Structure formats: structure tokens, C-alpha cells
């Protein structure tokens, strides 16, 4: 909202400089200078400002293409280390979380759940994420998710130290590629992860 208000104020304020340039300096005449100034101030200027002044999204809600090579690489890394998660879940000493695709309404979303146990090659979870799509009653019960469909996992000890969580690294990498430097709070939160560092060359 602040961005829009600022753009509107700049657009109105730009009329006077445009009038000065076209009327006094270029001497195109009052009427023509007025029309040109209105066109530049109220049409061209806001369009250019909207194009170049883009608000960066929050990494937590940033839309990410699941087929992005960065994301796919880290999903594969997570799956290759799934045995670490299974051992940790069985030990029961750390809080266990998994990320998986699930259909809400007509859309497939990629959500996190709290993992409770493994049964017949499936992980029993309670949904933790807040889906965008339609939520049915079954979602509020424990879900049974195929281990092969898992996209990520995390094990968190009592101190907050976190193992796995490669999709979080993927979000950080995609964000910096598309928008530049990570917000400080988000970057600080990455310090709790054991299996990777941020920045990666640190």
C-alpha cells in the first residue's frame, strides 16, 4: 500500500517539472506542454515506477516452481538421506517433520506435517501447514503419506538444532537468485540447520 501511495504522489508531483521542461525550456506552447506533462506524469511515470520498483515477497510465502532445478536437486538430496530421518523418527528423541505434496480442492500444494510413525511404508502425519485450497475433514485427522512421495524432512532437537530441511535451503537459493539478498531474520533462522550453512560459501 505504501508503494502505491508513493507512486501516486510522485506522479502528481512530476507534473510541475514536466511543465517547466516542455513549456519554458523546450517552448512547445502551454496547451501542448500540458498534454505532454499529463501523459508523462499520470501514465508513463507510474507505469515505469510499477515496473522497476517491485516489492520483494517474503521467502516463507514466495511461490516456487517445484520443477525448478535448484528445488529438484535438493529434493533428491533429501530423499537420498531419508534413512537418517527414519532412524531419527524411530529413536523418538527429536521432533520429526516431513514435506509432501497433497491435493486440496483442485490444486496440489506442498505442505509440512508432524511425523508420528511409520506403518507399511507410509508415514503417519498431522498437517502443520495452512493450505490455500479447500480443506476437508480428513485433513484434520492423521494422514498416511507414501514415503516415496516425501520431498523433504527435518529432525529438530530440544535446543532447536535442525537436521535435514533442504527445501528451506532451496527457498533461500531461489530467493537470492530472483530477488537478491535474503531478509536478515530469515537468514538468521538458517543458522539452526546442521547439514548446510548460509551463505553456502561461509
Protein backbone atom coordinates (compact mmCIF):
# COMPACT_ATOMS: atom_id res chain seq x y z
CA UNK A 1 0.00 0.00 0.00
CA UNK A 2 2.81 2.42 0.87
CA UNK A 3 4.38 1.69 -2.53
CA UNK A 4 1.16 2.61 -4.37
CA UNK A 5 0.63 5.79 -2.36
CA UNK A 6 4.23 6.85 -3.00
CA UNK A 7 3.89 6.22 -6.74
CA UNK A 8 0.68 8.31 -6.86
CA UNK A 9 2.35 11.20 -5.02
CA UNK A 10 5.41 11.08 -7.28
CA UNK A 11 3.17 11.03 -10.37
CA UNK A 12 1.28 14.13 -9.26
CA UNK A 13 4.46 15.91 -8.18
CA UNK A 14 6.12 15.21 -11.52
CA UNK A 15 3.64 17.40 -13.43
CA UNK A 16 5.34 20.66 -12.48
CA UNK A 17 8.87 19.59 -13.55
CA UNK A 18 7.46 18.26 -16.84
CA UNK A 19 5.61 21.53 -17.46
CA UNK A 20 8.77 23.52 -16.80
CA UNK A 21 10.79 21.36 -19.17
CA UNK A 22 8.32 21.41 -22.08
CA UNK A 23 6.89 24.90 -21.66
CA UNK A 24 9.85 27.01 -20.60
CA UNK A 25 12.87 25.09 -21.79
CA UNK A 26 11.55 23.47 -24.97
CA UNK A 27 8.93 26.18 -25.64
CA UNK A 28 6.31 23.84 -27.12
CA UNK A 29 3.38 26.02 -26.03
CA UNK A 30 1.13 25.92 -22.99
CA UNK A 31 -1.55 23.55 -24.30
CA UNK A 32 0.83 21.01 -25.82
CA UNK A 33 3.14 21.19 -22.78
CA UNK A 34 0.12 20.48 -20.54
CA UNK A 35 -0.99 17.44 -22.50
CA UNK A 36 2.55 16.03 -22.68
CA UNK A 37 3.09 16.62 -18.96
CA UNK A 38 -0.18 14.89 -18.03
CA UNK A 39 0.67 11.93 -20.27
CA UNK A 40 4.16 11.59 -18.82
CA UNK A 41 3.19 12.31 -15.22
CA UNK A 42 -0.01 10.33 -14.91
CA UNK A 43 0.61 7.49 -17.37
CA UNK A 44 4.27 6.94 -18.25
CA UNK A 45 5.78 7.72 -14.83
CA UNK A 46 3.54 5.35 -12.77
CA UNK A 47 3.96 2.57 -15.35
CA UNK A 48 7.75 2.87 -15.17
CA UNK A 49 7.73 3.05 -11.37
CA UNK A 50 5.49 -0.03 -11.09
CA UNK A 51 7.77 -1.90 -13.48
CA UNK A 52 11.08 -1.10 -11.84
CA UNK A 53 10.00 -0.70 -8.19
CA UNK A 54 8.98 -4.23 -7.31
CA UNK A 55 8.22 -5.30 -3.75
CA UNK A 56 10.14 -8.40 -2.71
CA UNK A 57 7.96 -11.21 -1.39
CA UNK A 58 8.57 -12.89 1.94
CA UNK A 59 10.59 -16.12 1.47
CA UNK A 60 8.01 -18.01 3.53
CA UNK A 61 5.18 -17.27 1.08
CA UNK A 62 7.18 -16.90 -2.11
CA UNK A 63 5.75 -19.04 -4.93
CA UNK A 64 8.30 -21.61 -6.05
CA UNK A 65 8.20 -23.86 -9.09
CA UNK A 66 8.60 -27.43 -7.85
CA UNK A 67 10.36 -28.22 -11.15
CA UNK A 68 12.99 -25.53 -10.61
CA UNK A 69 16.41 -27.28 -10.97
CA UNK A 70 17.52 -25.93 -7.59
CA UNK A 71 14.46 -27.38 -5.86
CA UNK A 72 14.70 -30.69 -7.69
CA UNK A 73 18.36 -31.09 -6.75
CA UNK A 74 17.60 -30.59 -3.07
CA UNK A 75 14.57 -32.89 -3.14
CA UNK A 76 16.87 -35.60 -4.48
CA UNK A 77 19.39 -34.85 -1.74
CA UNK A 78 16.68 -35.11 0.90
CA UNK A 79 15.40 -38.40 -0.47
CA UNK A 80 18.91 -39.83 -0.67
CA UNK A 81 19.28 -39.23 3.07
CA UNK A 82 15.81 -40.41 4.06
CA UNK A 83 17.25 -43.23 6.15
CA UNK A 84 18.63 -40.63 8.58
CA UNK A 85 15.08 -39.38 9.08
CA UNK A 86 13.70 -42.88 9.58
CA UNK A 87 16.32 -43.66 12.21
CA UNK A 88 15.64 -40.36 13.99
CA UNK A 89 11.89 -40.90 13.94
CA UNK A 90 12.30 -44.39 15.39
CA UNK A 91 14.60 -43.15 18.15
CA UNK A 92 11.98 -40.61 19.18
CA UNK A 93 14.49 -38.14 20.61
CA UNK A 94 13.83 -35.39 18.06
CA UNK A 95 10.70 -33.78 16.70
CA UNK A 96 10.17 -35.10 13.18
CA UNK A 97 8.64 -33.22 10.26
CA UNK A 98 8.06 -34.10 6.61
CA UNK A 99 7.16 -32.13 3.48
CA UNK A 100 4.90 -33.73 0.91
CA UNK A 101 2.50 -32.93 -1.95
CA UNK A 102 -1.20 -33.11 -1.12
CA UNK A 103 -4.29 -32.19 -3.10
CA UNK A 104 -6.50 -29.51 -1.58
CA UNK A 105 -9.52 -28.91 -3.78
CA UNK A 106 -8.24 -28.81 -7.35
CA UNK A 107 -4.68 -27.80 -6.51
CA UNK A 108 -1.69 -29.79 -5.31
CA UNK A 109 0.18 -27.97 -2.55
CA UNK A 110 3.50 -28.79 -0.93
CA UNK A 111 2.98 -28.79 2.82
CA UNK A 112 4.66 -29.73 6.09
CA UNK A 113 3.37 -32.23 8.62
CA UNK A 114 4.43 -33.50 12.02
CA UNK A 115 5.54 -37.13 11.63
CA UNK A 116 4.38 -39.64 14.25
CA UNK A 117 5.31 -43.11 13.00
CA UNK A 118 5.95 -45.37 10.03
CA UNK A 119 3.41 -48.02 9.02
CA UNK A 120 3.59 -50.25 5.93
CA UNK A 121 5.97 -47.96 4.07
CA UNK A 122 3.94 -44.85 4.86
CA UNK A 123 4.50 -42.06 7.35
CA UNK A 124 1.63 -41.06 9.64
CA UNK A 125 1.48 -37.27 9.96
CA UNK A 126 -0.56 -34.38 11.33
CA UNK A 127 -0.81 -31.40 8.99
CA UNK A 128 1.15 -28.34 10.15
CA UNK A 129 0.90 -26.01 7.14
CA UNK A 130 -2.09 -23.79 6.38
CA UNK A 131 -3.21 -24.82 2.89
CA UNK A 132 -4.55 -22.25 0.43
CA UNK A 133 -7.05 -24.62 -1.16
CA UNK A 134 -10.13 -26.37 0.18
CA UNK A 135 -9.56 -28.30 3.41
CA UNK A 136 -11.69 -31.39 4.05
CA UNK A 137 -12.39 -33.02 7.42
CA UNK A 138 -9.91 -35.83 6.77
CA UNK A 139 -7.06 -33.31 6.73
CA UNK A 140 -7.65 -32.56 10.39
CA UNK A 141 -7.12 -36.22 11.18
CA UNK A 142 -3.81 -38.04 10.83
CA UNK A 143 -2.77 -38.57 7.22
CA UNK A 144 -0.93 -41.56 5.77
CA UNK A 145 1.71 -40.40 3.26
CA UNK A 146 3.77 -42.66 1.00
CA UNK A 147 7.46 -42.43 1.88
CA UNK A 148 8.32 -42.25 -1.82
CA UNK A 149 6.36 -39.02 -2.18
CA UNK A 150 8.23 -37.14 0.54
CA UNK A 151 10.05 -34.04 -0.68
CA UNK A 152 11.89 -33.11 2.50
CA UNK A 153 12.27 -33.96 6.17
CA UNK A 154 13.55 -32.33 9.36
CA UNK A 155 14.62 -33.61 12.76
CA UNK A 156 14.67 -30.94 15.47
CA UNK A 157 16.24 -31.45 18.88
CA UNK A 158 15.28 -29.69 22.11
CA UNK A 159 17.76 -26.87 21.51
CA UNK A 160 16.28 -26.13 18.08
CA UNK A 161 19.20 -27.63 16.17
CA UNK A 162 17.72 -28.91 12.90
CA UNK A 163 18.84 -31.74 10.66
CA UNK A 164 17.70 -32.01 7.04
CA UNK A 165 15.41 -29.21 5.86
CA UNK A 166 16.95 -28.99 2.41
CA UNK A 167 13.85 -27.37 0.90
CA UNK A 168 14.48 -24.40 3.21
CA UNK A 169 17.91 -24.09 1.65
CA UNK A 170 16.24 -24.33 -1.76
CA UNK A 171 13.94 -21.40 -0.93
CA UNK A 172 16.95 -19.35 0.16
CA UNK A 173 18.83 -20.11 -3.06
CA UNK A 174 15.84 -19.35 -5.30
CA UNK A 175 15.11 -16.12 -3.42
CA UNK A 176 18.67 -14.82 -3.74
CA UNK A 177 18.72 -15.76 -7.42
CA UNK A 178 15.45 -13.97 -8.17
CA UNK A 179 15.34 -11.12 -5.64
CA UNK A 180 18.79 -10.63 -4.18
CA UNK A 181 19.84 -10.70 -0.54
CA UNK A 182 17.73 -12.64 1.96
CA UNK A 183 15.89 -10.71 4.70
CA UNK A 184 18.08 -10.69 7.82
CA UNK A 185 15.56 -12.52 10.03
CA UNK A 186 15.21 -15.34 7.52
CA UNK A 187 18.98 -15.60 7.05
CA UNK A 188 19.50 -15.75 10.84
CA UNK A 189 16.96 -18.58 11.09
CA UNK A 190 19.13 -20.68 8.76
CA UNK A 191 21.82 -20.82 11.46
CA UNK A 192 19.89 -23.60 13.22
CA UNK A 193 20.40 -26.03 10.33
CA UNK A 194 23.21 -28.54 10.75
CA UNK A 195 23.51 -30.03 7.27
CA UNK A 196 24.16 -26.81 5.36
CA UNK A 197 25.47 -23.31 6.02
CA UNK A 198 24.31 -19.93 4.79
CA UNK A 199 25.76 -18.25 2.90
CA UNK A 200 26.87 -21.52 1.32
CA UNK A 201 30.48 -20.38 0.94
CA UNK A 202 30.68 -19.23 4.55
